[in-house]
Amino acid sequence: MRFLCVSDIHGHADELKDVIEASKAQFSWDKLICCGDLLFPGPKPLETWKILIEHQALVTQGLVDRAISELEPERIKPKDKAEEARLNQLFDLHEQLGELIVMRLGKLPITARLSLENGDEMVVVHGSPADPTESFSPELSEEEMNALIGDDPADIIVCGGSHVAFDWAVGDTRIVNVGSVGEAPGGGYSAYTVIETTPLGISVEQLTI
């Protein structure tokens, strides 16, 4: 199996389309995986959702996705102009998506697990197995990363959240942060990861466009 793995699209549908087209030009893949934070605050949330549905993506819930589904904009009172502008974005988002999609965001799974051909298990999560709200990032020590792995038995963790792509081994666990499609650090590029699994093992390639 070959997985095209993305995360943190944040409503940047054009960048997601570019990643999909670039990856298809390089190789074929079997499944699109997205590690959450799908639609906000970028310019094309509904189009982003439609692309993920069209490709039958395996999607886990990010923090922003959960917030969209739980927040009631009409109950929020902004404290300043910046909060008012963000609240207006949220009103517009709810109007674009409609009640059904907002509800579906709230029902996205926190984690997904896949059994691989070589007997390993892959877990997909926005943040980390021990705490979906806390992301793996390059600044963390091995001890801190182990705490975020917790007792999870997965051999490979595919995640997002920090917007920084990396592929590290921590003990017997491989952590692959796939970076960000829509809000990569510094901007001007989109990150994505291709994971190929075979009975002999796993290969990971991290790419940008």
N, C-alpha and C. Protein backbone atom coordinates (compact mmCIF):
# COMPACT_ATOMS: atom_id res chain seq x y z
N MET A 1 0.84 -1.20 0.00
CA MET A 1 0.00 0.00 0.00
C MET A 1 0.87 1.25 0.00
N ARG A 2 0.40 2.26 -0.70
CA ARG A 2 1.09 3.55 -0.68
C ARG A 2 0.09 4.60 -0.22
N PHE A 3 0.46 5.32 0.84
CA PHE A 3 -0.41 6.32 1.44
C PHE A 3 0.13 7.72 1.15
N LEU A 4 -0.74 8.60 0.69
CA LEU A 4 -0.42 10.02 0.59
C LEU A 4 -0.93 10.68 1.87
N CYS A 5 -0.03 11.20 2.68
CA CYS A 5 -0.38 11.69 4.01
C CYS A 5 -0.22 13.21 4.08
N VAL A 6 -1.27 13.88 4.52
CA VAL A 6 -1.25 15.34 4.65
C VAL A 6 -1.85 15.72 6.00
N SER A 7 -1.70 16.98 6.35
CA SER A 7 -2.31 17.49 7.58
C SER A 7 -2.39 19.01 7.52
N ASP A 8 -3.17 19.58 8.43
CA ASP A 8 -3.20 21.02 8.62
C ASP A 8 -3.39 21.78 7.30
N ILE A 9 -4.47 21.43 6.61
CA ILE A 9 -4.80 22.09 5.36
C ILE A 9 -5.36 23.49 5.64
N HIS A 10 -6.17 23.59 6.68
CA HIS A 10 -6.71 24.88 7.14
C HIS A 10 -7.47 25.62 6.04
N GLY A 11 -8.21 24.88 5.21
CA GLY A 11 -9.07 25.51 4.22
C GLY A 11 -8.37 25.99 2.96
N HIS A 12 -7.11 25.60 2.76
CA HIS A 12 -6.38 26.01 1.56
C HIS A 12 -6.56 24.94 0.48
N ALA A 13 -7.72 24.97 -0.17
CA ALA A 13 -8.07 23.94 -1.14
C ALA A 13 -7.13 23.92 -2.34
N ASP A 14 -6.70 25.08 -2.81
CA ASP A 14 -5.81 25.12 -3.97
C ASP A 14 -4.50 24.42 -3.68
N GLU A 15 -3.97 24.64 -2.48
CA GLU A 15 -2.72 23.98 -2.10
C GLU A 15 -2.92 22.47 -1.98
N LEU A 16 -4.07 22.04 -1.47
CA LEU A 16 -4.35 20.60 -1.39
C LEU A 16 -4.42 20.00 -2.79
N LYS A 17 -5.09 20.69 -3.72
CA LYS A 17 -5.16 20.19 -5.10
C LYS A 17 -3.77 20.11 -5.71
N ASP A 18 -2.93 21.11 -5.43
CA ASP A 18 -1.57 21.08 -5.97
C ASP A 18 -0.79 19.87 -5.44
N VAL A 19 -0.95 19.57 -4.15
CA VAL A 19 -0.27 18.41 -3.57
C VAL A 19 -0.75 17.13 -4.22
N ILE A 20 -2.04 16.99 -4.39
CA ILE A 20 -2.60 15.77 -5.00
C ILE A 20 -2.11 15.62 -6.43
N GLU A 21 -2.14 16.72 -7.20
CA GLU A 21 -1.69 16.65 -8.59
C GLU A 21 -0.19 16.36 -8.68
N ALA A 22 0.60 16.99 -7.82
CA ALA A 22 2.05 16.76 -7.84
C ALA A 22 2.38 15.32 -7.48
N SER A 23 1.68 14.80 -6.49
CA SER A 23 1.96 13.42 -6.08
C SER A 23 1.57 12.42 -7.16
N LYS A 24 0.44 12.68 -7.82
CA LYS A 24 0.00 11.78 -8.89
C LYS A 24 0.95 11.81 -10.08
N ALA A 25 1.60 12.94 -10.30
CA ALA A 25 2.56 13.04 -11.39
C ALA A 25 3.84 12.25 -11.09
N GLN A 26 4.09 12.02 -9.80
CA GLN A 26 5.31 11.32 -9.40
C GLN A 26 5.11 9.82 -9.25
N PHE A 27 3.93 9.41 -8.75
CA PHE A 27 3.67 8.00 -8.44
C PHE A 27 2.18 7.83 -8.20
N SER A 28 1.75 6.60 -8.20
CA SER A 28 0.37 6.30 -7.83
C SER A 28 0.30 6.04 -6.33
N TRP A 29 -0.84 6.32 -5.73
CA TRP A 29 -1.03 6.00 -4.32
C TRP A 29 -2.42 5.42 -4.12
N ASP A 30 -2.57 4.68 -3.03
CA ASP A 30 -3.80 3.91 -2.80
C ASP A 30 -4.78 4.62 -1.89
N LYS A 31 -4.28 5.42 -0.94
CA LYS A 31 -5.17 6.02 0.06
C LYS A 31 -4.65 7.38 0.48
N LEU A 32 -5.57 8.34 0.56
CA LEU A 32 -5.25 9.67 1.08
C LEU A 32 -5.56 9.68 2.57
N ILE A 33 -4.59 10.11 3.38
CA ILE A 33 -4.75 10.22 4.82
C ILE A 33 -4.57 11.69 5.21
N CYS A 34 -5.47 12.20 6.05
CA CYS A 34 -5.34 13.56 6.54
C CYS A 34 -5.44 13.57 8.06
N CYS A 35 -4.45 14.18 8.70
CA CYS A 35 -4.35 14.16 10.17
C CYS A 35 -5.02 15.35 10.84
N GLY A 36 -6.03 15.94 10.22
CA GLY A 36 -6.84 16.94 10.90
C GLY A 36 -6.48 18.39 10.62
N ASP A 37 -7.26 19.28 11.26
CA ASP A 37 -7.23 20.73 11.02
C ASP A 37 -7.45 20.99 9.53
N LEU A 38 -8.68 20.75 9.12
CA LEU A 38 -9.02 20.67 7.71
C LEU A 38 -9.39 22.00 7.06
N LEU A 39 -10.23 22.82 7.73
CA LEU A 39 -11.00 23.82 7.00
C LEU A 39 -10.81 25.28 7.39
N PHE A 40 -10.29 25.59 8.54
CA PHE A 40 -10.29 26.96 9.05
C PHE A 40 -8.87 27.38 9.43
N PRO A 41 -8.47 28.60 9.13
CA PRO A 41 -9.23 29.77 8.66
C PRO A 41 -9.02 30.11 7.20
N GLY A 42 -8.64 29.15 6.37
CA GLY A 42 -8.30 29.43 4.98
C GLY A 42 -9.48 29.85 4.12
N PRO A 43 -9.21 30.18 2.84
CA PRO A 43 -10.20 30.81 1.98
C PRO A 43 -11.26 29.90 1.39
N LYS A 44 -11.01 28.57 1.34
CA LYS A 44 -11.93 27.68 0.63
C LYS A 44 -12.25 26.44 1.46
N PRO A 45 -12.95 26.62 2.58
CA PRO A 45 -13.22 25.46 3.45
C PRO A 45 -14.13 24.42 2.80
N LEU A 46 -15.20 24.85 2.15
CA LEU A 46 -16.13 23.89 1.57
C LEU A 46 -15.48 23.11 0.44
N GLU A 47 -14.71 23.79 -0.38
CA GLU A 47 -14.01 23.10 -1.47
C GLU A 47 -13.01 22.09 -0.91
N THR A 48 -12.33 22.44 0.17
CA THR A 48 -11.40 21.52 0.82
C THR A 48 -12.14 20.26 1.27
N TRP A 49 -13.27 20.44 1.91
CA TRP A 49 -14.07 19.30 2.37
C TRP A 49 -14.48 18.42 1.19
N LYS A 50 -14.90 19.03 0.10
CA LYS A 50 -15.35 18.26 -1.07
C LYS A 50 -14.21 17.46 -1.68
N ILE A 51 -13.00 18.02 -1.68
CA ILE A 51 -11.85 17.28 -2.21
C ILE A 51 -11.57 16.05 -1.36
N LEU A 52 -11.62 16.20 -0.05
CA LEU A 52 -11.38 15.06 0.85
C LEU A 52 -12.44 13.99 0.67
N ILE A 53 -13.69 14.41 0.52
CA ILE A 53 -14.78 13.44 0.29
C ILE A 53 -14.60 12.75 -1.06
N GLU A 54 -14.28 13.53 -2.08
CA GLU A 54 -14.10 12.98 -3.43
C GLU A 54 -13.04 11.88 -3.44
N HIS A 55 -11.99 12.07 -2.67
CA HIS A 55 -10.89 11.10 -2.65
C HIS A 55 -11.05 10.05 -1.54
N GLN A 56 -12.19 10.06 -0.87
CA GLN A 56 -12.49 9.08 0.18
C GLN A 56 -11.34 9.02 1.20
N ALA A 57 -10.92 10.19 1.62
CA ALA A 57 -9.78 10.28 2.53
C ALA A 57 -10.11 9.70 3.90
N LEU A 58 -9.11 9.10 4.51
CA LEU A 58 -9.18 8.73 5.92
C LEU A 58 -8.77 9.97 6.71
N VAL A 59 -9.68 10.49 7.51
CA VAL A 59 -9.47 11.77 8.18
C VAL A 59 -9.64 11.61 9.69
N THR A 60 -8.71 12.17 10.45
CA THR A 60 -8.89 12.24 11.89
C THR A 60 -9.14 13.69 12.29
N GLN A 61 -9.70 13.86 13.48
CA GLN A 61 -10.13 15.18 13.93
C GLN A 61 -8.99 15.97 14.54
N GLY A 62 -8.84 17.21 14.07
CA GLY A 62 -7.88 18.13 14.67
C GLY A 62 -8.55 19.04 15.68
N LEU A 63 -7.73 19.83 16.36
CA LEU A 63 -8.27 20.74 17.38
C LEU A 63 -9.20 21.77 16.77
N VAL A 64 -8.83 22.30 15.61
CA VAL A 64 -9.68 23.31 14.97
C VAL A 64 -10.99 22.69 14.51
N ASP A 65 -10.94 21.46 14.02
CA ASP A 65 -12.16 20.77 13.60
C ASP A 65 -13.13 20.61 14.77
N ARG A 66 -12.58 20.22 15.91
CA ARG A 66 -13.43 20.05 17.09
C ARG A 66 -14.01 21.39 17.54
N ALA A 67 -13.19 22.43 17.51
CA ALA A 67 -13.66 23.75 17.92
C ALA A 67 -14.80 24.24 17.02
N ILE A 68 -14.66 24.01 15.71
CA ILE A 68 -15.71 24.43 14.78
C ILE A 68 -17.03 23.75 15.12
N SER A 69 -16.95 22.47 15.46
CA SER A 69 -18.17 21.71 15.73
C SER A 69 -18.80 22.06 17.08
N GLU A 70 -17.98 22.55 18.03
CA GLU A 70 -18.49 22.78 19.38
C GLU A 70 -18.83 24.24 19.67
N LEU A 71 -18.12 25.16 19.04
CA LEU A 71 -18.36 26.57 19.32
C LEU A 71 -19.69 27.05 18.73
N GLU A 72 -20.36 27.89 19.46
CA GLU A 72 -21.58 28.53 18.97
C GLU A 72 -21.27 30.01 18.80
N PRO A 73 -21.02 30.45 17.57
CA PRO A 73 -20.56 31.83 17.34
C PRO A 73 -21.47 32.90 17.93
N GLU A 74 -22.78 32.62 17.90
CA GLU A 74 -23.72 33.63 18.40
C GLU A 74 -23.61 33.84 19.91
N ARG A 75 -22.97 32.93 20.62
CA ARG A 75 -22.82 33.06 22.08
C ARG A 75 -21.50 33.73 22.47
N ILE A 76 -20.63 33.97 21.49
CA ILE A 76 -19.31 34.53 21.77
C ILE A 76 -19.36 36.05 21.66
N LYS A 77 -18.78 36.72 22.65
CA LYS A 77 -18.71 38.18 22.63
C LYS A 77 -17.25 38.59 22.45
N PRO A 78 -16.90 39.13 21.29
CA PRO A 78 -15.50 39.50 21.04
C PRO A 78 -15.02 40.61 21.95
N LYS A 79 -13.73 40.52 22.32
CA LYS A 79 -13.14 41.50 23.22
C LYS A 79 -12.46 42.65 22.47
N ASP A 80 -12.11 42.41 21.21
CA ASP A 80 -11.43 43.45 20.43
C ASP A 80 -11.70 43.22 18.95
N LYS A 81 -11.12 44.08 18.12
CA LYS A 81 -11.36 44.02 16.68
C LYS A 81 -10.84 42.72 16.07
N ALA A 82 -9.70 42.25 16.59
CA ALA A 82 -9.13 41.01 16.06
C ALA A 82 -10.06 39.83 16.33
N GLU A 83 -10.61 39.76 17.56
CA GLU A 83 -11.55 38.69 17.89
C GLU A 83 -12.83 38.82 17.09
N GLU A 84 -13.26 40.05 16.86
CA GLU A 84 -14.47 40.27 16.07
C GLU A 84 -14.28 39.78 14.63
N ALA A 85 -13.11 40.06 14.06
CA ALA A 85 -12.83 39.61 12.70
C ALA A 85 -12.80 38.09 12.62
N ARG A 86 -12.17 37.44 13.62
CA ARG A 86 -12.12 35.97 13.62
C ARG A 86 -13.51 35.38 13.84
N LEU A 87 -14.31 36.03 14.66
CA LEU A 87 -15.68 35.56 14.88
C LEU A 87 -16.50 35.67 13.61
N ASN A 88 -16.31 36.74 12.86
CA ASN A 88 -17.03 36.89 11.59
C ASN A 88 -16.61 35.79 10.61
N GLN A 89 -15.32 35.41 10.64
CA GLN A 89 -14.86 34.29 9.83
C GLN A 89 -15.58 33.00 10.21
N LEU A 90 -15.76 32.82 11.51
CA LEU A 90 -16.41 31.62 12.01
C LEU A 90 -17.88 31.58 11.60
N PHE A 91 -18.56 32.72 11.69
CA PHE A 91 -19.94 32.81 11.21
C PHE A 91 -20.01 32.43 9.73
N ASP A 92 -19.10 32.99 8.94
CA ASP A 92 -19.09 32.72 7.51
C ASP A 92 -18.82 31.25 7.23
N LEU A 93 -17.90 30.66 8.01
CA LEU A 93 -17.58 29.25 7.85
C LEU A 93 -18.81 28.38 8.10
N HIS A 94 -19.51 28.61 9.21
CA HIS A 94 -20.70 27.83 9.51
C HIS A 94 -21.73 27.96 8.40
N GLU A 95 -21.86 29.18 7.85
CA GLU A 95 -22.83 29.39 6.78
C GLU A 95 -22.44 28.63 5.52
N GLN A 96 -21.14 28.65 5.19
CA GLN A 96 -20.67 27.93 4.00
C GLN A 96 -20.83 26.42 4.13
N LEU A 97 -20.47 25.90 5.30
CA LEU A 97 -20.46 24.45 5.48
C LEU A 97 -21.85 23.87 5.66
N GLY A 98 -22.69 24.58 6.39
CA GLY A 98 -24.01 24.05 6.71
C GLY A 98 -23.96 23.15 7.93
N GLU A 99 -25.10 22.92 8.51
CA GLU A 99 -25.20 22.19 9.77
C GLU A 99 -24.68 20.76 9.66
N LEU A 100 -24.93 20.11 8.53
CA LEU A 100 -24.56 18.70 8.38
C LEU A 100 -23.05 18.50 8.42
N ILE A 101 -22.30 19.33 7.67
CA ILE A 101 -20.84 19.18 7.65
C ILE A 101 -20.24 19.55 9.00
N VAL A 102 -20.78 20.60 9.63
CA VAL A 102 -20.29 20.98 10.97
C VAL A 102 -20.48 19.81 11.93
N MET A 103 -21.63 19.14 11.83
CA MET A 103 -21.88 17.98 12.68
C MET A 103 -20.90 16.85 12.38
N ARG A 104 -20.60 16.65 11.10
CA ARG A 104 -19.66 15.59 10.72
C ARG A 104 -18.25 15.87 11.23
N LEU A 105 -17.86 17.14 11.25
CA LEU A 105 -16.56 17.48 11.82
C LEU A 105 -16.48 17.04 13.28
N GLY A 106 -17.59 17.22 13.99
CA GLY A 106 -17.61 16.82 15.40
C GLY A 106 -17.56 15.33 15.62
N LYS A 107 -17.89 14.56 14.58
CA LYS A 107 -17.91 13.10 14.71
C LYS A 107 -16.69 12.42 14.09
N LEU A 108 -15.75 13.21 13.58
CA LEU A 108 -14.54 12.59 13.04
C LEU A 108 -13.80 11.85 14.15
N PRO A 109 -13.18 10.72 13.83
CA PRO A 109 -12.45 9.97 14.87
C PRO A 109 -11.21 10.72 15.34
N ILE A 110 -10.89 10.56 16.61
CA ILE A 110 -9.68 11.16 17.16
C ILE A 110 -8.45 10.43 16.63
N THR A 111 -8.53 9.12 16.53
CA THR A 111 -7.44 8.31 16.00
C THR A 111 -7.99 7.28 15.04
N ALA A 112 -7.13 6.80 14.16
CA ALA A 112 -7.46 5.69 13.27
C ALA A 112 -6.29 4.72 13.28
N ARG A 113 -6.59 3.44 13.18
CA ARG A 113 -5.54 2.42 13.24
C ARG A 113 -5.60 1.53 12.01
N LEU A 114 -4.42 1.26 11.46
CA LEU A 114 -4.31 0.43 10.26
C LEU A 114 -3.31 -0.68 10.50
N SER A 115 -3.70 -1.90 10.16
CA SER A 115 -2.77 -3.03 10.22
C SER A 115 -2.01 -3.10 8.90
N LEU A 116 -0.70 -3.19 8.97
CA LEU A 116 0.14 -3.15 7.79
C LEU A 116 0.59 -4.56 7.37
N GLU A 117 1.08 -4.65 6.14
CA GLU A 117 1.40 -5.96 5.57
C GLU A 117 2.49 -6.70 6.33
N ASN A 118 3.39 -5.97 6.98
CA ASN A 118 4.50 -6.62 7.68
C ASN A 118 4.15 -6.96 9.14
N GLY A 119 2.87 -6.76 9.50
CA GLY A 119 2.43 -7.06 10.86
C GLY A 119 2.46 -5.87 11.80
N ASP A 120 3.04 -4.75 11.37
CA ASP A 120 3.07 -3.55 12.20
C ASP A 120 1.69 -2.88 12.24
N GLU A 121 1.51 -2.01 13.21
CA GLU A 121 0.29 -1.20 13.30
C GLU A 121 0.65 0.27 13.13
N MET A 122 -0.15 0.96 12.33
CA MET A 122 0.01 2.39 12.14
C MET A 122 -1.17 3.12 12.76
N VAL A 123 -0.87 4.13 13.58
CA VAL A 123 -1.94 4.94 14.16
C VAL A 123 -1.86 6.33 13.54
N VAL A 124 -3.02 6.87 13.18
CA VAL A 124 -3.12 8.21 12.60
C VAL A 124 -3.82 9.09 13.63
N VAL A 125 -3.22 10.25 13.95
CA VAL A 125 -3.76 11.14 14.97
C VAL A 125 -3.30 12.55 14.66
N HIS A 126 -4.07 13.54 15.07
CA HIS A 126 -3.65 14.92 14.84
C HIS A 126 -2.47 15.28 15.74
N GLY A 127 -2.63 15.05 17.03
CA GLY A 127 -1.59 15.40 18.00
C GLY A 127 -0.73 14.21 18.35
N SER A 128 -1.12 13.47 19.40
CA SER A 128 -0.35 12.32 19.85
C SER A 128 -1.30 11.30 20.47
N PRO A 129 -0.87 10.03 20.55
CA PRO A 129 -1.77 9.00 21.11
C PRO A 129 -2.16 9.26 22.56
N ALA A 130 -1.22 9.75 23.37
CA ALA A 130 -1.52 9.98 24.78
C ALA A 130 -2.40 11.20 24.98
N ASP A 131 -2.27 12.18 24.10
CA ASP A 131 -3.04 13.42 24.22
C ASP A 131 -3.22 14.03 22.84
N PRO A 132 -4.39 13.84 22.22
CA PRO A 132 -4.62 14.37 20.88
C PRO A 132 -4.48 15.88 20.78
N THR A 133 -4.49 16.60 21.92
CA THR A 133 -4.34 18.05 21.89
C THR A 133 -2.88 18.48 21.92
N GLU A 134 -1.96 17.55 22.18
CA GLU A 134 -0.53 17.87 22.25
C GLU A 134 0.19 17.24 21.05
N SER A 135 0.93 18.05 20.33
CA SER A 135 1.60 17.59 19.12
C SER A 135 3.06 17.25 19.36
N PHE A 136 3.55 16.28 18.61
CA PHE A 136 4.99 16.03 18.55
C PHE A 136 5.64 17.17 17.77
N SER A 137 6.77 17.64 18.26
CA SER A 137 7.49 18.70 17.55
C SER A 137 8.99 18.51 17.75
N PRO A 138 9.81 19.08 16.86
CA PRO A 138 11.26 18.88 16.95
C PRO A 138 11.88 19.40 18.24
N GLU A 139 11.18 20.30 18.93
CA GLU A 139 11.76 20.88 20.15
C GLU A 139 11.68 19.93 21.34
N LEU A 140 10.87 18.88 21.24
CA LEU A 140 10.66 17.99 22.37
C LEU A 140 11.85 17.05 22.58
N SER A 141 12.10 16.74 23.82
CA SER A 141 13.13 15.75 24.14
C SER A 141 12.56 14.35 23.90
N GLU A 142 13.45 13.36 23.89
CA GLU A 142 13.00 11.98 23.73
C GLU A 142 12.07 11.58 24.88
N GLU A 143 12.37 12.05 26.08
CA GLU A 143 11.52 11.75 27.23
C GLU A 143 10.12 12.34 27.03
N GLU A 144 10.05 13.57 26.52
CA GLU A 144 8.74 14.19 26.29
C GLU A 144 7.98 13.48 25.19
N MET A 145 8.69 13.04 24.16
CA MET A 145 8.02 12.30 23.09
C MET A 145 7.50 10.96 23.59
N ASN A 146 8.29 10.30 24.42
CA ASN A 146 7.83 9.03 25.00
C ASN A 146 6.57 9.23 25.83
N ALA A 147 6.49 10.36 26.53
CA ALA A 147 5.29 10.64 27.32
C ALA A 147 4.07 10.81 26.42
N LEU A 148 4.27 11.39 25.24
CA LEU A 148 3.15 11.58 24.31
C LEU A 148 2.78 10.28 23.60
N ILE A 149 3.74 9.38 23.48
CA ILE A 149 3.42 8.05 22.94
C ILE A 149 2.62 7.26 23.96
N GLY A 150 2.99 7.39 25.23
CA GLY A 150 2.28 6.69 26.30
C GLY A 150 2.41 5.18 26.14
N ASP A 151 1.30 4.49 26.39
CA ASP A 151 1.28 3.03 26.29
C ASP A 151 0.77 2.55 24.95
N ASP A 152 0.69 3.44 23.98
CA ASP A 152 0.14 3.04 22.68
C ASP A 152 1.03 1.99 22.02
N PRO A 153 0.44 0.91 21.50
CA PRO A 153 1.24 -0.17 20.94
C PRO A 153 1.66 0.04 19.49
N ALA A 154 1.27 1.14 18.86
CA ALA A 154 1.54 1.34 17.43
C ALA A 154 3.04 1.35 17.15
N ASP A 155 3.39 0.81 15.98
CA ASP A 155 4.79 0.81 15.55
C ASP A 155 5.15 2.10 14.83
N ILE A 156 4.17 2.71 14.17
CA ILE A 156 4.39 3.97 13.47
C ILE A 156 3.24 4.91 13.75
N ILE A 157 3.55 6.13 14.12
CA ILE A 157 2.55 7.16 14.40
C ILE A 157 2.63 8.20 13.30
N VAL A 158 1.51 8.43 12.62
CA VAL A 158 1.43 9.44 11.57
C VAL A 158 0.60 10.59 12.13
N CYS A 159 1.16 11.80 12.12
CA CYS A 159 0.53 12.90 12.84
C CYS A 159 0.79 14.23 12.18
N GLY A 160 0.18 15.28 12.73
CA GLY A 160 0.38 16.65 12.27
C GLY A 160 0.46 17.55 13.49
N GLY A 161 -0.22 18.69 13.40
CA GLY A 161 -0.36 19.55 14.56
C GLY A 161 0.70 20.62 14.67
N SER A 162 1.97 20.25 14.61
CA SER A 162 3.04 21.23 14.81
C SER A 162 3.39 21.98 13.53
N HIS A 163 2.88 21.48 12.38
CA HIS A 163 3.15 22.05 11.05
C HIS A 163 4.58 21.81 10.58
N VAL A 164 5.38 21.10 11.35
CA VAL A 164 6.77 20.83 10.99
C VAL A 164 6.94 19.36 10.66
N ALA A 165 7.39 19.06 9.45
CA ALA A 165 7.55 17.68 9.03
C ALA A 165 8.85 17.08 9.58
N PHE A 166 8.77 15.84 10.08
CA PHE A 166 9.97 15.11 10.48
C PHE A 166 9.65 13.62 10.56
N ASP A 167 10.68 12.82 10.57
CA ASP A 167 10.56 11.35 10.62
C ASP A 167 11.63 10.86 11.58
N TRP A 168 11.20 10.53 12.82
CA TRP A 168 12.13 10.17 13.88
C TRP A 168 11.75 8.83 14.50
N ALA A 169 12.77 8.11 14.93
CA ALA A 169 12.57 6.91 15.73
C ALA A 169 12.75 7.27 17.19
N VAL A 170 11.76 6.90 18.00
CA VAL A 170 11.84 7.08 19.45
C VAL A 170 11.64 5.71 20.07
N GLY A 171 12.73 5.11 20.50
CA GLY A 171 12.65 3.73 20.96
C GLY A 171 12.24 2.83 19.81
N ASP A 172 11.21 2.03 20.03
CA ASP A 172 10.73 1.12 18.99
C ASP A 172 9.62 1.74 18.14
N THR A 173 9.33 3.01 18.35
CA THR A 173 8.23 3.66 17.64
C THR A 173 8.77 4.68 16.65
N ARG A 174 8.20 4.67 15.47
CA ARG A 174 8.57 5.64 14.44
C ARG A 174 7.49 6.73 14.41
N ILE A 175 7.91 7.98 14.55
CA ILE A 175 6.99 9.12 14.55
C ILE A 175 7.18 9.88 13.25
N VAL A 176 6.11 9.99 12.45
CA VAL A 176 6.17 10.70 11.18
C VAL A 176 5.18 11.85 11.25
N ASN A 177 5.72 13.05 11.44
CA ASN A 177 4.88 14.25 11.36
C ASN A 177 4.89 14.70 9.91
N VAL A 178 3.72 14.81 9.30
CA VAL A 178 3.64 15.03 7.85
C VAL A 178 3.67 16.51 7.47
N GLY A 179 3.80 17.41 8.46
CA GLY A 179 3.87 18.82 8.15
C GLY A 179 2.51 19.42 7.84
N SER A 180 2.51 20.54 7.13
CA SER A 180 1.28 21.28 6.86
C SER A 180 1.14 21.60 5.38
N VAL A 181 -0.06 21.36 4.86
CA VAL A 181 -0.37 21.75 3.47
C VAL A 181 -0.60 23.25 3.37
N GLY A 182 -1.37 23.80 4.33
CA GLY A 182 -1.84 25.17 4.19
C GLY A 182 -1.12 26.22 4.99
N GLU A 183 -0.41 25.81 6.06
CA GLU A 183 0.22 26.81 6.92
C GLU A 183 1.59 26.33 7.39
N ALA A 184 2.42 25.92 6.42
CA ALA A 184 3.78 25.49 6.75
C ALA A 184 4.58 26.68 7.26
N PRO A 185 5.50 26.46 8.21
CA PRO A 185 6.28 27.55 8.78
C PRO A 185 7.01 28.36 7.71
N GLY A 186 6.84 29.67 7.75
CA GLY A 186 7.47 30.53 6.77
C GLY A 186 6.66 30.75 5.51
N GLY A 187 5.73 29.82 5.24
CA GLY A 187 4.85 29.95 4.09
C GLY A 187 5.57 29.71 2.77
N GLY A 188 4.79 29.73 1.70
CA GLY A 188 5.37 29.61 0.36
C GLY A 188 5.57 28.18 -0.11
N TYR A 189 5.19 27.21 0.68
CA TYR A 189 5.32 25.82 0.26
C TYR A 189 4.29 24.97 1.01
N SER A 190 4.04 23.78 0.48
CA SER A 190 3.17 22.80 1.13
C SER A 190 3.94 21.52 1.35
N ALA A 191 3.79 20.92 2.52
CA ALA A 191 4.48 19.68 2.86
C ALA A 191 3.52 18.50 2.79
N TYR A 192 4.05 17.37 2.35
CA TYR A 192 3.28 16.13 2.36
C TYR A 192 4.24 14.95 2.48
N THR A 193 3.70 13.81 2.83
CA THR A 193 4.52 12.62 3.08
C THR A 193 3.92 11.42 2.37
N VAL A 194 4.77 10.61 1.79
CA VAL A 194 4.34 9.36 1.16
C VAL A 194 4.89 8.21 1.98
N ILE A 195 4.01 7.35 2.43
CA ILE A 195 4.40 6.16 3.19
C ILE A 195 4.04 4.93 2.39
N GLU A 196 5.03 4.11 2.10
CA GLU A 196 4.79 2.87 1.36
C GLU A 196 5.03 1.69 2.30
N THR A 197 4.07 0.80 2.34
CA THR A 197 4.18 -0.37 3.22
C THR A 197 4.18 -1.64 2.38
N THR A 198 5.06 -2.57 2.76
CA THR A 198 5.16 -3.86 2.09
C THR A 198 5.35 -4.93 3.17
N PRO A 199 5.26 -6.21 2.81
CA PRO A 199 5.53 -7.26 3.80
C PRO A 199 6.94 -7.19 4.38
N LEU A 200 7.84 -6.48 3.70
CA LEU A 200 9.23 -6.39 4.16
C LEU A 200 9.49 -5.18 5.04
N GLY A 201 8.56 -4.22 5.07
CA GLY A 201 8.79 -3.05 5.89
C GLY A 201 8.10 -1.80 5.38
N ILE A 202 8.57 -0.67 5.85
CA ILE A 202 7.94 0.62 5.60
C ILE A 202 8.99 1.61 5.08
N SER A 203 8.62 2.38 4.06
CA SER A 203 9.49 3.46 3.60
C SER A 203 8.72 4.78 3.69
N VAL A 204 9.42 5.85 4.04
CA VAL A 204 8.81 7.16 4.23
C VAL A 204 9.57 8.17 3.39
N GLU A 205 8.83 8.96 2.60
CA GLU A 205 9.44 10.03 1.81
C GLU A 205 8.68 11.33 2.11
N GLN A 206 9.40 12.34 2.56
CA GLN A 206 8.78 13.62 2.89
C GLN A 206 9.14 14.65 1.81
N LEU A 207 8.11 15.32 1.30
CA LEU A 207 8.25 16.15 0.12
C LEU A 207 7.59 17.51 0.34
N THR A 208 7.99 18.47 -0.49
CA THR A 208 7.35 19.79 -0.49
C THR A 208 7.16 20.26 -1.93
N ILE A 209 6.18 21.13 -2.10
CA ILE A 209 6.02 21.81 -3.40
C ILE A 209 5.82 23.29 -3.13
